[in-house]
Amino acid sequence: MMGLERGSRRLYGMMLMLAAVVLLVDQLTKLWAVSALSDSERVAVIPPLIHFRLLYNAGAAFSTGTGVTWVFALAAAGAVVGILYTARRLASPGWAIVLGMLLGGAVSHLGDRLFREPGFARGHVVDFIDYGPFVGNVADIAITCGCVAMVLLSMRGVPLAKVPGEEPA
């Protein structure tokens, strides 16, 4: 964080805190799901909309690309690096929240890919929140909300980063 302006440092810290919360909540809920749910069990939460059902996803959304799990590990690592690089000159709390949600979800998915079975960079993501057409997790929710918020901030013209040498408005 050396070289960051004070305002950007504060927003960067806010982003990192939110990312840590997303990571912690996602991993704790996955730990719960693995210990409390069996592979074939479907538990009604808000019938008929939401159920808990434990799945191990080797692929991406809708289990696509199950044979190239290592590509998703690389993509998650690239997303983490890209978010950290982009966030160096954050200009608004809204963007700090967006990047915090995206970073937390990406780090959590990267951790699953690197450290879960069947092995390094081939690990399966734990999914357990069944919405009907798909099954996801807390990281997926954070990433989806972050993407929606990113579109809204972009449509409103909220700047992501400060231009070097530019005075704050």
C-alpha atoms as a PDB file:
ATOM      1  CA  MET A   1       0.000   0.000   0.000  1.00  0.00           C
ATOM      2  CA  MET A   2       3.061   2.209  -0.196  1.00  0.00           C
ATOM      3  CA  GLY A   3       2.546   5.100  -2.587  1.00  0.00           C
ATOM      4  CA  LEU A   4      -1.231   5.155  -2.228  1.00  0.00           C
ATOM      5  CA  GLU A   5      -2.897   8.446  -1.373  1.00  0.00           C
ATOM      6  CA  ARG A   6      -4.647   8.587   1.991  1.00  0.00           C
ATOM      7  CA  GLY A   7      -8.166   8.351   0.549  1.00  0.00           C
ATOM      8  CA  SER A   8      -7.206   5.469  -1.700  1.00  0.00           C
ATOM      9  CA  ARG A   9      -5.515   3.709   1.241  1.00  0.00           C
ATOM     10  CA  ARG A  10      -8.722   3.958   3.258  1.00  0.00           C
ATOM     11  CA  LEU A  11     -10.822   2.601   0.385  1.00  0.00           C
ATOM     12  CA  TYR A  12      -8.260  -0.147  -0.317  1.00  0.00           C
ATOM     13  CA  GLY A  13      -8.433  -1.179   3.342  1.00  0.00           C
ATOM     14  CA  MET A  14     -12.226  -1.169   3.204  1.00  0.00           C
ATOM     15  CA  MET A  15     -12.091  -3.388   0.113  1.00  0.00           C
ATOM     16  CA  LEU A  16      -9.690  -5.823   1.819  1.00  0.00           C
ATOM     17  CA  MET A  17     -11.884  -5.989   4.938  1.00  0.00           C
ATOM     18  CA  LEU A  18     -14.989  -6.812   2.887  1.00  0.00           C
ATOM     19  CA  ALA A  19     -13.029  -9.394   0.890  1.00  0.00           C
ATOM     20  CA  ALA A  20     -11.890 -11.022   4.145  1.00  0.00           C
ATOM     21  CA  VAL A  21     -15.482 -11.148   5.418  1.00  0.00           C
ATOM     22  CA  VAL A  22     -16.718 -12.744   2.163  1.00  0.00           C
ATOM     23  CA  LEU A  23     -13.862 -15.264   2.274  1.00  0.00           C
ATOM     24  CA  LEU A  24     -14.478 -16.136   5.918  1.00  0.00           C
ATOM     25  CA  VAL A  25     -18.272 -16.479   5.584  1.00  0.00           C
ATOM     26  CA  ASP A  26     -17.933 -18.520   2.382  1.00  0.00           C
ATOM     27  CA  GLN A  27     -15.376 -20.924   3.834  1.00  0.00           C
ATOM     28  CA  LEU A  28     -17.254 -21.310   7.134  1.00  0.00           C
ATOM     29  CA  THR A  29     -20.529 -22.059   5.354  1.00  0.00           C
ATOM     30  CA  LYS A  30     -18.752 -24.573   3.096  1.00  0.00           C
ATOM     31  CA  LEU A  31     -17.240 -26.209   6.182  1.00  0.00           C
ATOM     32  CA  TRP A  32     -20.738 -26.446   7.648  1.00  0.00           C
ATOM     33  CA  ALA A  33     -22.188 -27.855   4.405  1.00  0.00           C
ATOM     34  CA  VAL A  34     -19.512 -30.532   4.103  1.00  0.00           C
ATOM     35  CA  SER A  35     -19.985 -31.609   7.725  1.00  0.00           C
ATOM     36  CA  ALA A  36     -23.804 -31.362   7.893  1.00  0.00           C
ATOM     37  CA  LEU A  37     -25.091 -32.421   4.461  1.00  0.00           C
ATOM     38  CA  SER A  38     -24.778 -35.766   2.733  1.00  0.00           C
ATOM     39  CA  ASP A  39     -24.263 -36.036  -1.013  1.00  0.00           C
ATOM     40  CA  SER A  40     -27.825 -37.078  -1.808  1.00  0.00           C
ATOM     41  CA  GLU A  41     -29.637 -35.023   0.829  1.00  0.00           C
ATOM     42  CA  ARG A  42     -31.842 -32.066  -0.177  1.00  0.00           C
ATOM     43  CA  VAL A  43     -32.963 -29.875   2.739  1.00  0.00           C
ATOM     44  CA  ALA A  44     -35.765 -27.359   2.194  1.00  0.00           C
ATOM     45  CA  VAL A  45     -34.877 -23.841   3.365  1.00  0.00           C
ATOM     46  CA  ILE A  46     -37.511 -21.706   1.607  1.00  0.00           C
ATOM     47  CA  PRO A  47     -39.612 -24.243  -0.300  1.00  0.00           C
ATOM     48  CA  PRO A  48     -39.874 -24.462  -3.234  1.00  0.00           C
ATOM     49  CA  LEU A  49     -37.294 -21.726  -3.991  1.00  0.00           C
ATOM     50  CA  ILE A  50     -34.176 -22.579  -1.970  1.00  0.00           C
ATOM     51  CA  HIS A  51     -32.794 -25.876  -0.698  1.00  0.00           C
ATOM     52  CA  PHE A  52     -29.447 -27.009   0.665  1.00  0.00           C
ATOM     53  CA  ARG A  53     -27.811 -29.743  -1.420  1.00  0.00           C
ATOM     54  CA  LEU A  54     -24.111 -30.613  -1.303  1.00  0.00           C
ATOM     55  CA  LEU A  55     -22.266 -30.745  -4.630  1.00  0.00           C
ATOM     56  CA  TYR A  56     -18.593 -30.651  -5.559  1.00  0.00           C
ATOM     57  CA  ASN A  57     -18.200 -28.618  -8.747  1.00  0.00           C
ATOM     58  CA  ALA A  58     -15.125 -29.299 -10.899  1.00  0.00           C
ATOM     59  CA  GLY A  59     -16.280 -26.793 -13.513  1.00  0.00           C
ATOM     60  CA  ALA A  60     -17.604 -23.275 -13.786  1.00  0.00           C
ATOM     61  CA  ALA A  61     -21.221 -22.083 -13.801  1.00  0.00           C
ATOM     62  CA  PHE A  62     -23.668 -24.907 -14.514  1.00  0.00           C
ATOM     63  CA  SER A  63     -20.712 -27.356 -14.214  1.00  0.00           C
ATOM     64  CA  THR A  64     -19.290 -26.387 -17.611  1.00  0.00           C
ATOM     65  CA  GLY A  65     -15.635 -27.153 -18.305  1.00  0.00           C
ATOM     66  CA  THR A  66     -15.247 -29.944 -15.769  1.00  0.00           C
ATOM     67  CA  GLY A  67     -12.202 -31.319 -17.596  1.00  0.00           C
ATOM     68  CA  VAL A  68     -10.197 -28.097 -17.357  1.00  0.00           C
ATOM     69  CA  THR A  69     -10.371 -27.273 -13.664  1.00  0.00           C
ATOM     70  CA  TRP A  70      -6.791 -25.962 -13.735  1.00  0.00           C
ATOM     71  CA  VAL A  71      -7.927 -23.217 -16.159  1.00  0.00           C
ATOM     72  CA  PHE A  72     -10.409 -21.988 -13.535  1.00  0.00           C
ATOM     73  CA  ALA A  73      -7.627 -21.940 -10.931  1.00  0.00           C
ATOM     74  CA  LEU A  74      -5.550 -19.754 -13.278  1.00  0.00           C
ATOM     75  CA  ALA A  75      -8.553 -17.525 -14.014  1.00  0.00           C
ATOM     76  CA  ALA A  76      -9.248 -17.050 -10.295  1.00  0.00           C
ATOM     77  CA  ALA A  77      -5.578 -16.226  -9.659  1.00  0.00           C
ATOM     78  CA  GLY A  78      -5.643 -13.734 -12.538  1.00  0.00           C
ATOM     79  CA  ALA A  79      -8.820 -12.152 -11.156  1.00  0.00           C
ATOM     80  CA  VAL A  80      -7.225 -11.735  -7.716  1.00  0.00           C
ATOM     81  CA  VAL A  81      -4.114 -10.094  -9.177  1.00  0.00           C
ATOM     82  CA  GLY A  82      -6.196  -7.891 -11.490  1.00  0.00           C
ATOM     83  CA  ILE A  83      -8.479  -6.698  -8.694  1.00  0.00           C
ATOM     84  CA  LEU A  84      -5.568  -5.912  -6.367  1.00  0.00           C
ATOM     85  CA  TYR A  85      -3.799  -3.997  -9.149  1.00  0.00           C
ATOM     86  CA  THR A  86      -6.921  -2.090 -10.219  1.00  0.00           C
ATOM     87  CA  ALA A  87      -7.818  -1.139  -6.655  1.00  0.00           C
ATOM     88  CA  ARG A  88      -4.604   0.808  -6.047  1.00  0.00           C
ATOM     89  CA  ARG A  89      -6.265   4.108  -6.981  1.00  0.00           C
ATOM     90  CA  LEU A  90      -9.843   3.545  -5.834  1.00  0.00           C
ATOM     91  CA  ALA A  91     -11.971   6.656  -6.133  1.00  0.00           C
ATOM     92  CA  SER A  92     -15.235   5.718  -4.416  1.00  0.00           C
ATOM     93  CA  PRO A  93     -16.644   3.593  -1.601  1.00  0.00           C
ATOM     94  CA  GLY A  94     -19.036   1.972  -4.079  1.00  0.00           C
ATOM     95  CA  TRP A  95     -16.147   0.610  -6.124  1.00  0.00           C
ATOM     96  CA  ALA A  96     -14.377  -0.518  -2.941  1.00  0.00           C
ATOM     97  CA  ILE A  97     -17.472  -2.558  -2.083  1.00  0.00           C
ATOM     98  CA  VAL A  98     -17.716  -4.003  -5.609  1.00  0.00           C
ATOM     99  CA  LEU A  99     -14.051  -4.994  -5.704  1.00  0.00           C
ATOM    100  CA  GLY A 100     -14.219  -6.341  -2.145  1.00  0.00           C
ATOM    101  CA  MET A 101     -17.087  -8.671  -3.068  1.00  0.00           C
ATOM    102  CA  LEU A 102     -15.328  -9.802  -6.252  1.00  0.00           C
ATOM    103  CA  LEU A 103     -11.981 -10.257  -4.484  1.00  0.00           C
ATOM    104  CA  GLY A 104     -13.454 -12.239  -1.596  1.00  0.00           C
ATOM    105  CA  GLY A 105     -15.312 -14.560  -3.961  1.00  0.00           C
ATOM    106  CA  ALA A 106     -12.308 -15.014  -6.246  1.00  0.00           C
ATOM    107  CA  VAL A 107      -9.922 -15.765  -3.359  1.00  0.00           C
ATOM    108  CA  SER A 108     -12.359 -18.275  -1.885  1.00  0.00           C
ATOM    109  CA  HIS A 109     -12.822 -20.064  -5.221  1.00  0.00           C
ATOM    110  CA  LEU A 110      -9.059 -20.015  -5.778  1.00  0.00           C
ATOM    111  CA  GLY A 111      -8.557 -21.614  -2.364  1.00  0.00           C
ATOM    112  CA  ASP A 112     -11.032 -24.361  -3.262  1.00  0.00           C
ATOM    113  CA  ARG A 113      -9.291 -24.969  -6.597  1.00  0.00           C
ATOM    114  CA  LEU A 114      -5.846 -25.115  -4.990  1.00  0.00           C
ATOM    115  CA  PHE A 115      -6.502 -27.034  -1.780  1.00  0.00           C
ATOM    116  CA  ARG A 116      -9.575 -29.257  -2.137  1.00  0.00           C
ATOM    117  CA  GLU A 117      -9.774 -32.767  -3.559  1.00  0.00           C
ATOM    118  CA  PRO A 118      -8.836 -34.182  -5.995  1.00  0.00           C
ATOM    119  CA  GLY A 119      -5.584 -32.189  -5.858  1.00  0.00           C
ATOM    120  CA  PHE A 120      -3.630 -28.976  -6.298  1.00  0.00           C
ATOM    121  CA  ALA A 121      -5.091 -26.687  -9.006  1.00  0.00           C
ATOM    122  CA  ARG A 122      -7.737 -29.362  -9.723  1.00  0.00           C
ATOM    123  CA  GLY A 123      -9.861 -28.946  -6.600  1.00  0.00           C
ATOM    124  CA  HIS A 124     -13.614 -28.862  -6.718  1.00  0.00           C
ATOM    125  CA  VAL A 125     -15.622 -25.914  -5.399  1.00  0.00           C
ATOM    126  CA  VAL A 126     -18.146 -26.763  -2.680  1.00  0.00           C
ATOM    127  CA  ASP A 127     -21.655 -25.715  -3.755  1.00  0.00           C
ATOM    128  CA  PHE A 128     -24.648 -26.158  -1.476  1.00  0.00           C
ATOM    129  CA  ILE A 129     -27.281 -23.438  -2.007  1.00  0.00           C
ATOM    130  CA  ASP A 130     -29.765 -24.904  -4.495  1.00  0.00           C
ATOM    131  CA  TYR A 131     -31.786 -22.236  -6.342  1.00  0.00           C
ATOM    132  CA  GLY A 132     -33.443 -24.640  -8.759  1.00  0.00           C
ATOM    133  CA  PRO A 133     -31.626 -24.123 -12.052  1.00  0.00           C
ATOM    134  CA  PHE A 134     -28.224 -23.977 -10.333  1.00  0.00           C
ATOM    135  CA  VAL A 135     -26.424 -24.704  -7.078  1.00  0.00           C
ATOM    136  CA  GLY A 136     -23.941 -22.188  -5.665  1.00  0.00           C
ATOM    137  CA  ASN A 137     -22.321 -20.833  -2.524  1.00  0.00           C
ATOM    138  CA  VAL A 138     -21.739 -17.563  -0.662  1.00  0.00           C
ATOM    139  CA  ALA A 139     -18.794 -16.634  -2.916  1.00  0.00           C
ATOM    140  CA  ASP A 140     -21.060 -16.992  -5.956  1.00  0.00           C
ATOM    141  CA  ILE A 141     -23.589 -14.665  -4.348  1.00  0.00           C
ATOM    142  CA  ALA A 142     -20.859 -12.092  -3.602  1.00  0.00           C
ATOM    143  CA  ILE A 143     -19.490 -12.303  -7.156  1.00  0.00           C
ATOM    144  CA  THR A 144     -22.961 -11.978  -8.698  1.00  0.00           C
ATOM    145  CA  CYS A 145     -23.893  -9.008  -6.481  1.00  0.00           C
ATOM    146  CA  GLY A 146     -20.507  -7.431  -7.202  1.00  0.00           C
ATOM    147  CA  CYS A 147     -21.059  -7.775 -10.952  1.00  0.00           C
ATOM    148  CA  VAL A 148     -24.544  -6.251 -10.759  1.00  0.00           C
ATOM    149  CA  ALA A 149     -23.214  -3.360  -8.651  1.00  0.00           C
ATOM    150  CA  MET A 150     -20.316  -2.902 -11.105  1.00  0.00           C
ATOM    151  CA  VAL A 151     -22.780  -2.487 -13.981  1.00  0.00           C
ATOM    152  CA  LEU A 152     -24.865  -0.012 -11.951  1.00  0.00           C
ATOM    153  CA  LEU A 153     -21.821   2.081 -10.958  1.00  0.00           C
ATOM    154  CA  SER A 154     -20.625   2.075 -14.564  1.00  0.00           C
ATOM    155  CA  MET A 155     -24.047   3.139 -15.855  1.00  0.00           C
ATOM    156  CA  ARG A 156     -24.091   5.988 -13.326  1.00  0.00           C
ATOM    157  CA  GLY A 157     -20.621   7.102 -14.437  1.00  0.00           C
ATOM    158  CA  VAL A 158     -19.012   6.629 -11.020  1.00  0.00           C
ATOM    159  CA  PRO A 159     -15.237   6.629 -11.590  1.00  0.00           C
ATOM    160  CA  LEU A 160     -13.364   3.506 -10.526  1.00  0.00           C
ATOM    161  CA  ALA A 161      -9.928   5.032 -10.072  1.00  0.00           C
ATOM    162  CA  LYS A 162      -8.293   8.366  -9.559  1.00  0.00           C
ATOM    163  CA  VAL A 163      -6.231   9.677 -12.439  1.00  0.00           C
ATOM    164  CA  PRO A 164      -2.640  10.344 -11.258  1.00  0.00           C
ATOM    165  CA  GLY A 165      -2.134  14.045 -10.552  1.00  0.00           C
ATOM    166  CA  GLU A 166      -5.872  14.791 -10.628  1.00  0.00           C
ATOM    167  CA  GLU A 167      -7.331  16.741  -7.709  1.00  0.00           C
ATOM    168  CA  PRO A 168     -10.339  15.206  -5.926  1.00  0.00           C
ATOM    169  CA  ALA A 169     -13.692  16.767  -6.861  1.00  0.00           C
END
